Amino acid sequence: MFDKDGLVIEKTIKDNIAYMLIMVTIIIVTMITYFFKAQYVIVDVNFLKASFVLLINIVIHELGHILFFKMV
């Protein structure tokens, strides 16, 4: 019913570290702008800790993409 060769699609996907750095920079600038420009926000210690963990997770996530696609 299906041709095996017709279903195989090979595509090389490589992450670009420049795109990752630009994305992380935009996210950081957005957060900094939000913290300095927002007038009606409740910022407590837990929110700051969660934001810090989020930033670390973004870096780890993007590095995972780079390492995974370089190995494949």
C-alpha atoms as a PDB file:
ATOM      1  CA  MET A   1       0.000   0.000   0.000  1.00  0.00           C
ATOM      2  CA  PHE A   2       2.820   2.437   0.903  1.00  0.00           C
ATOM      3  CA  ASP A   3       6.245   2.653  -0.636  1.00  0.00           C
ATOM      4  CA  LYS A   4       8.883   2.587   2.103  1.00  0.00           C
ATOM      5  CA  ASP A   5      11.220   4.846   0.140  1.00  0.00           C
ATOM      6  CA  GLY A   6       8.460   7.406  -0.284  1.00  0.00           C
ATOM      7  CA  LEU A   7       7.956   7.741   3.470  1.00  0.00           C
ATOM      8  CA  VAL A   8      11.582   8.317   4.410  1.00  0.00           C
ATOM      9  CA  ILE A   9      12.442  11.986   4.741  1.00  0.00           C
ATOM     10  CA  GLU A  10      15.966  12.900   5.757  1.00  0.00           C
ATOM     11  CA  LYS A  11      16.619  16.376   6.912  1.00  0.00           C
ATOM     12  CA  THR A  12      19.658  17.698   8.702  1.00  0.00           C
ATOM     13  CA  ILE A  13      18.708  20.050  11.496  1.00  0.00           C
ATOM     14  CA  LYS A  14      21.446  21.959  13.258  1.00  0.00           C
ATOM     15  CA  ASP A  15      20.938  24.499  15.991  1.00  0.00           C
ATOM     16  CA  ASN A  16      22.729  27.772  15.686  1.00  0.00           C
ATOM     17  CA  ILE A  17      24.302  29.037  18.899  1.00  0.00           C
ATOM     18  CA  ALA A  18      23.839  32.621  17.703  1.00  0.00           C
ATOM     19  CA  TYR A  19      20.055  32.123  17.519  1.00  0.00           C
ATOM     20  CA  MET A  20      20.084  30.643  21.018  1.00  0.00           C
ATOM     21  CA  LEU A  21      22.047  33.567  22.427  1.00  0.00           C
ATOM     22  CA  ILE A  22      19.759  36.067  20.698  1.00  0.00           C
ATOM     23  CA  MET A  23      16.660  34.309  22.058  1.00  0.00           C
ATOM     24  CA  VAL A  24      18.005  34.164  25.616  1.00  0.00           C
ATOM     25  CA  THR A  25      19.092  37.814  25.400  1.00  0.00           C
ATOM     26  CA  ILE A  26      15.631  38.878  24.243  1.00  0.00           C
ATOM     27  CA  ILE A  27      14.010  36.969  27.110  1.00  0.00           C
ATOM     28  CA  ILE A  28      16.384  38.524  29.662  1.00  0.00           C
ATOM     29  CA  VAL A  29      15.876  42.030  28.252  1.00  0.00           C
ATOM     30  CA  THR A  30      12.108  41.493  28.323  1.00  0.00           C
ATOM     31  CA  MET A  31      12.218  40.449  31.979  1.00  0.00           C
ATOM     32  CA  ILE A  32      14.497  43.342  32.951  1.00  0.00           C
ATOM     33  CA  THR A  33      12.262  45.793  31.094  1.00  0.00           C
ATOM     34  CA  TYR A  34       9.213  44.330  32.825  1.00  0.00           C
ATOM     35  CA  PHE A  35      10.767  44.631  36.278  1.00  0.00           C
ATOM     36  CA  PHE A  36      11.854  48.243  35.754  1.00  0.00           C
ATOM     37  CA  LYS A  37       8.758  49.499  33.901  1.00  0.00           C
ATOM     38  CA  ALA A  38       5.925  47.660  35.664  1.00  0.00           C
ATOM     39  CA  GLN A  39       4.012  49.773  38.143  1.00  0.00           C
ATOM     40  CA  TYR A  40       1.445  47.348  39.468  1.00  0.00           C
ATOM     41  CA  VAL A  41       3.249  44.161  40.265  1.00  0.00           C
ATOM     42  CA  ILE A  42       3.843  42.202  43.437  1.00  0.00           C
ATOM     43  CA  VAL A  43       7.406  40.899  43.397  1.00  0.00           C
ATOM     44  CA  ASP A  44       8.271  38.630  46.264  1.00  0.00           C
ATOM     45  CA  VAL A  45      11.226  36.376  46.934  1.00  0.00           C
ATOM     46  CA  ASN A  46       9.514  33.283  45.515  1.00  0.00           C
ATOM     47  CA  PHE A  47       8.801  35.028  42.216  1.00  0.00           C
ATOM     48  CA  LEU A  48      12.421  36.121  41.893  1.00  0.00           C
ATOM     49  CA  LYS A  49      13.662  32.602  42.678  1.00  0.00           C
ATOM     50  CA  ALA A  50      11.279  31.119  40.117  1.00  0.00           C
ATOM     51  CA  SER A  51      12.447  33.610  37.485  1.00  0.00           C
ATOM     52  CA  PHE A  52      16.075  32.726  38.177  1.00  0.00           C
ATOM     53  CA  VAL A  53      15.328  29.006  37.856  1.00  0.00           C
ATOM     54  CA  LEU A  54      13.447  29.706  34.617  1.00  0.00           C
ATOM     55  CA  LEU A  55      16.456  31.483  33.126  1.00  0.00           C
ATOM     56  CA  ILE A  56      18.754  28.609  34.083  1.00  0.00           C
ATOM     57  CA  ASN A  57      16.310  26.102  32.582  1.00  0.00           C
ATOM     58  CA  ILE A  58      16.188  28.044  29.305  1.00  0.00           C
ATOM     59  CA  VAL A  59      19.973  27.846  28.992  1.00  0.00           C
ATOM     60  CA  ILE A  60      20.021  24.135  29.872  1.00  0.00           C
ATOM     61  CA  HIS A  61      17.191  23.437  27.426  1.00  0.00           C
ATOM     62  CA  GLU A  62      18.878  25.225  24.533  1.00  0.00           C
ATOM     63  CA  LEU A  63      22.236  23.594  25.263  1.00  0.00           C
ATOM     64  CA  GLY A  64      20.415  20.258  25.169  1.00  0.00           C
ATOM     65  CA  HIS A  65      19.172  21.077  21.673  1.00  0.00           C
ATOM     66  CA  ILE A  66      22.675  21.933  20.530  1.00  0.00           C
ATOM     67  CA  LEU A  67      24.277  18.833  22.040  1.00  0.00           C
ATOM     68  CA  PHE A  68      21.514  16.505  20.818  1.00  0.00           C
ATOM     69  CA  PHE A  69      21.553  17.763  17.243  1.00  0.00           C
ATOM     70  CA  LYS A  70      25.348  17.750  17.095  1.00  0.00           C
ATOM     71  CA  MET A  71      25.426  14.095  18.178  1.00  0.00           C
ATOM     72  CA  VAL A  72      22.706  12.936  15.789  1.00  0.00           C
END
